[in-house]
């Protein structure tokens, strides 16, 4: 029984999986943080572009 417990504690097969889960969660969190920071200025910029485009006259003659 003691040998089985020692063998279980020395086994590192799942350690890589845990590392990948942590790294993936960190990348996803970083992506969400970037989106949260960028979304307000992008909204303001798109409103400026929309206003400019709406103010341009449309010529329908050649």
N, C-alpha and C. Protein backbone atom coordinates (compact mmCIF):
# COMPACT_ATOMS: atom_id res chain seq x y z
N UNK A 1 0.83 -1.19 0.00
CA UNK A 1 0.00 0.00 0.00
C UNK A 1 0.87 1.25 0.00
N UNK A 2 1.90 1.27 0.81
CA UNK A 2 2.78 2.44 0.88
C UNK A 2 3.49 2.66 -0.44
N UNK A 3 3.87 1.57 -1.11
CA UNK A 3 4.53 1.70 -2.41
C UNK A 3 3.57 2.28 -3.45
N UNK A 4 2.30 1.93 -3.38
CA UNK A 4 1.32 2.48 -4.31
C UNK A 4 1.14 3.98 -4.11
N UNK A 5 1.13 4.42 -2.85
CA UNK A 5 1.00 5.85 -2.55
C UNK A 5 2.23 6.60 -3.03
N UNK A 6 3.42 6.05 -2.80
CA UNK A 6 4.66 6.69 -3.25
C UNK A 6 4.68 6.79 -4.77
N UNK A 7 4.25 5.71 -5.45
CA UNK A 7 4.22 5.72 -6.90
C UNK A 7 3.23 6.78 -7.41
N UNK A 8 2.07 6.90 -6.75
CA UNK A 8 1.08 7.91 -7.13
C UNK A 8 1.64 9.32 -6.95
N UNK A 9 2.31 9.59 -5.85
CA UNK A 9 2.85 10.92 -5.57
C UNK A 9 3.99 11.28 -6.51
N UNK A 10 4.73 10.29 -7.00
CA UNK A 10 5.86 10.55 -7.90
C UNK A 10 5.42 10.68 -9.36
N UNK A 11 4.23 10.26 -9.67
CA UNK A 11 3.73 10.31 -11.05
C UNK A 11 3.45 11.75 -11.44
N UNK A 12 3.98 12.17 -12.59
CA UNK A 12 3.82 13.55 -13.07
C UNK A 12 3.10 13.60 -14.42
N UNK A 13 2.33 12.62 -14.75
CA UNK A 13 1.66 12.56 -16.06
C UNK A 13 0.65 13.69 -16.26
N UNK A 14 -0.06 14.11 -15.24
CA UNK A 14 -1.08 15.14 -15.39
C UNK A 14 -0.56 16.55 -15.20
N UNK A 15 0.70 16.72 -14.84
CA UNK A 15 1.25 18.05 -14.56
C UNK A 15 1.25 18.94 -15.80
N UNK A 16 1.53 18.37 -16.95
CA UNK A 16 1.56 19.15 -18.18
C UNK A 16 0.15 19.66 -18.51
N UNK A 17 -0.85 18.84 -18.27
CA UNK A 17 -2.23 19.25 -18.52
C UNK A 17 -2.60 20.43 -17.65
N UNK A 18 -2.23 20.40 -16.40
CA UNK A 18 -2.52 21.50 -15.49
C UNK A 18 -1.82 22.77 -15.97
N UNK A 19 -0.58 22.65 -16.41
CA UNK A 19 0.15 23.82 -16.93
C UNK A 19 -0.57 24.42 -18.12
N UNK A 20 -1.04 23.59 -19.05
CA UNK A 20 -1.73 24.10 -20.23
C UNK A 20 -3.05 24.76 -19.87
N UNK A 21 -3.75 24.21 -18.90
CA UNK A 21 -5.02 24.81 -18.47
C UNK A 21 -4.76 26.19 -17.88
N UNK A 22 -3.74 26.31 -17.06
CA UNK A 22 -3.41 27.60 -16.44
C UNK A 22 -2.97 28.60 -17.51
N UNK A 23 -2.14 28.19 -18.44
CA UNK A 23 -1.68 29.09 -19.50
C UNK A 23 -2.83 29.53 -20.40
N UNK A 24 -3.72 28.61 -20.72
CA UNK A 24 -4.86 28.95 -21.56
C UNK A 24 -5.79 29.93 -20.85
N UNK A 25 -6.01 29.72 -19.57
CA UNK A 25 -6.84 30.65 -18.80
C UNK A 25 -6.20 32.03 -18.74
N UNK A 26 -4.87 32.08 -18.60
CA UNK A 26 -4.18 33.37 -18.56
C UNK A 26 -4.30 34.09 -19.90
N UNK A 27 -4.15 33.39 -21.00
CA UNK A 27 -4.27 34.01 -22.32
C UNK A 27 -5.69 34.50 -22.56
N UNK A 28 -6.68 33.72 -22.16
CA UNK A 28 -8.07 34.14 -22.32
C UNK A 28 -8.36 35.37 -21.47
N UNK A 29 -7.87 35.39 -20.25
CA UNK A 29 -8.05 36.55 -19.37
C UNK A 29 -7.38 37.79 -19.92
N UNK A 30 -6.19 37.63 -20.47
CA UNK A 30 -5.48 38.75 -21.06
C UNK A 30 -6.24 39.29 -22.28
N UNK A 31 -6.79 38.39 -23.08
CA UNK A 31 -7.58 38.82 -24.23
C UNK A 31 -8.81 39.61 -23.81
N UNK A 32 -9.49 39.16 -22.77
CA UNK A 32 -10.66 39.89 -22.28
C UNK A 32 -10.27 41.26 -21.73
N UNK A 33 -9.12 41.34 -21.07
CA UNK A 33 -8.66 42.61 -20.54
C UNK A 33 -8.35 43.59 -21.67
N UNK A 34 -7.73 43.11 -22.73
CA UNK A 34 -7.42 43.97 -23.87
C UNK A 34 -8.70 44.47 -24.53
N UNK A 35 -9.68 43.59 -24.68
CA UNK A 35 -10.95 44.00 -25.28
C UNK A 35 -11.63 45.05 -24.41
N UNK A 36 -11.60 44.88 -23.10
CA UNK A 36 -12.23 45.84 -22.20
C UNK A 36 -11.58 47.21 -22.29
N UNK A 37 -10.27 47.24 -22.50
CA UNK A 37 -9.55 48.53 -22.60
C UNK A 37 -9.80 49.19 -23.95
N UNK A 38 -9.91 48.43 -25.01
CA UNK A 38 -9.98 48.98 -26.36
C UNK A 38 -11.41 49.31 -26.80
N UNK A 39 -12.42 48.69 -26.22
CA UNK A 39 -13.77 48.80 -26.76
C UNK A 39 -14.33 50.23 -26.72
N UNK A 40 -14.04 51.00 -25.68
CA UNK A 40 -14.58 52.36 -25.60
C UNK A 40 -13.96 53.29 -26.64
N UNK A 41 -12.62 53.34 -26.77
CA UNK A 41 -12.06 54.20 -27.82
C UNK A 41 -12.48 53.78 -29.24
N UNK A 42 -12.64 52.48 -29.47
CA UNK A 42 -13.06 52.03 -30.79
C UNK A 42 -14.49 52.46 -31.07
N UNK A 43 -15.33 52.46 -30.07
CA UNK A 43 -16.71 52.90 -30.25
C UNK A 43 -16.75 54.38 -30.60
N UNK A 44 -15.94 55.18 -29.91
CA UNK A 44 -15.87 56.61 -30.21
C UNK A 44 -15.37 56.85 -31.63
N UNK A 45 -14.36 56.11 -32.03
CA UNK A 45 -13.78 56.27 -33.36
C UNK A 45 -14.78 55.87 -34.44
N UNK A 46 -15.50 54.78 -34.22
CA UNK A 46 -16.48 54.36 -35.23
C UNK A 46 -17.61 55.37 -35.33
N UNK A 47 -17.96 56.01 -34.25
CA UNK A 47 -18.99 57.06 -34.30
C UNK A 47 -18.49 58.25 -35.12
N UNK A 48 -17.21 58.60 -34.98
CA UNK A 48 -16.64 59.69 -35.77
C UNK A 48 -16.66 59.37 -37.26
N UNK A 49 -16.29 58.14 -37.59
CA UNK A 49 -16.28 57.73 -38.99
C UNK A 49 -17.71 57.74 -39.54
N UNK A 50 -18.65 57.26 -38.77
CA UNK A 50 -20.04 57.24 -39.21
C UNK A 50 -20.56 58.65 -39.46
N UNK A 51 -20.26 59.57 -38.57
CA UNK A 51 -20.70 60.95 -38.73
C UNK A 51 -20.09 61.57 -39.98
N UNK A 52 -18.81 61.33 -40.22
CA UNK A 52 -18.14 61.87 -41.39
C UNK A 52 -18.76 61.32 -42.67
N UNK A 53 -18.98 60.00 -42.70
CA UNK A 53 -19.53 59.40 -43.91
C UNK A 53 -20.95 59.87 -44.18
N UNK A 54 -21.74 60.08 -43.15
CA UNK A 54 -23.10 60.56 -43.33
C UNK A 54 -23.13 62.01 -43.85
N UNK A 55 -22.09 62.77 -43.57
CA UNK A 55 -22.07 64.17 -44.00
C UNK A 55 -21.59 64.35 -45.44
N UNK A 56 -21.08 63.30 -46.07
CA UNK A 56 -20.58 63.40 -47.44
C UNK A 56 -21.74 63.38 -48.43
N UNK A 57 -21.68 64.27 -49.40
CA UNK A 57 -22.76 64.28 -50.40
C UNK A 57 -22.62 63.10 -51.37
N UNK A 58 -23.74 62.63 -51.84
CA UNK A 58 -23.75 61.52 -52.80
C UNK A 58 -24.11 62.09 -54.16
N UNK A 59 -23.22 61.87 -55.12
CA UNK A 59 -23.48 62.32 -56.49
C UNK A 59 -23.93 61.12 -57.30
N UNK A 60 -25.11 61.24 -57.90
CA UNK A 60 -25.63 60.11 -58.66
C UNK A 60 -25.58 60.34 -60.16
N UNK A 61 -24.79 61.32 -60.61
CA UNK A 61 -24.63 61.54 -62.03
C UNK A 61 -23.19 61.22 -62.42
N UNK A 62 -23.02 60.89 -63.70
CA UNK A 62 -21.68 60.56 -64.18
C UNK A 62 -21.09 61.70 -64.93
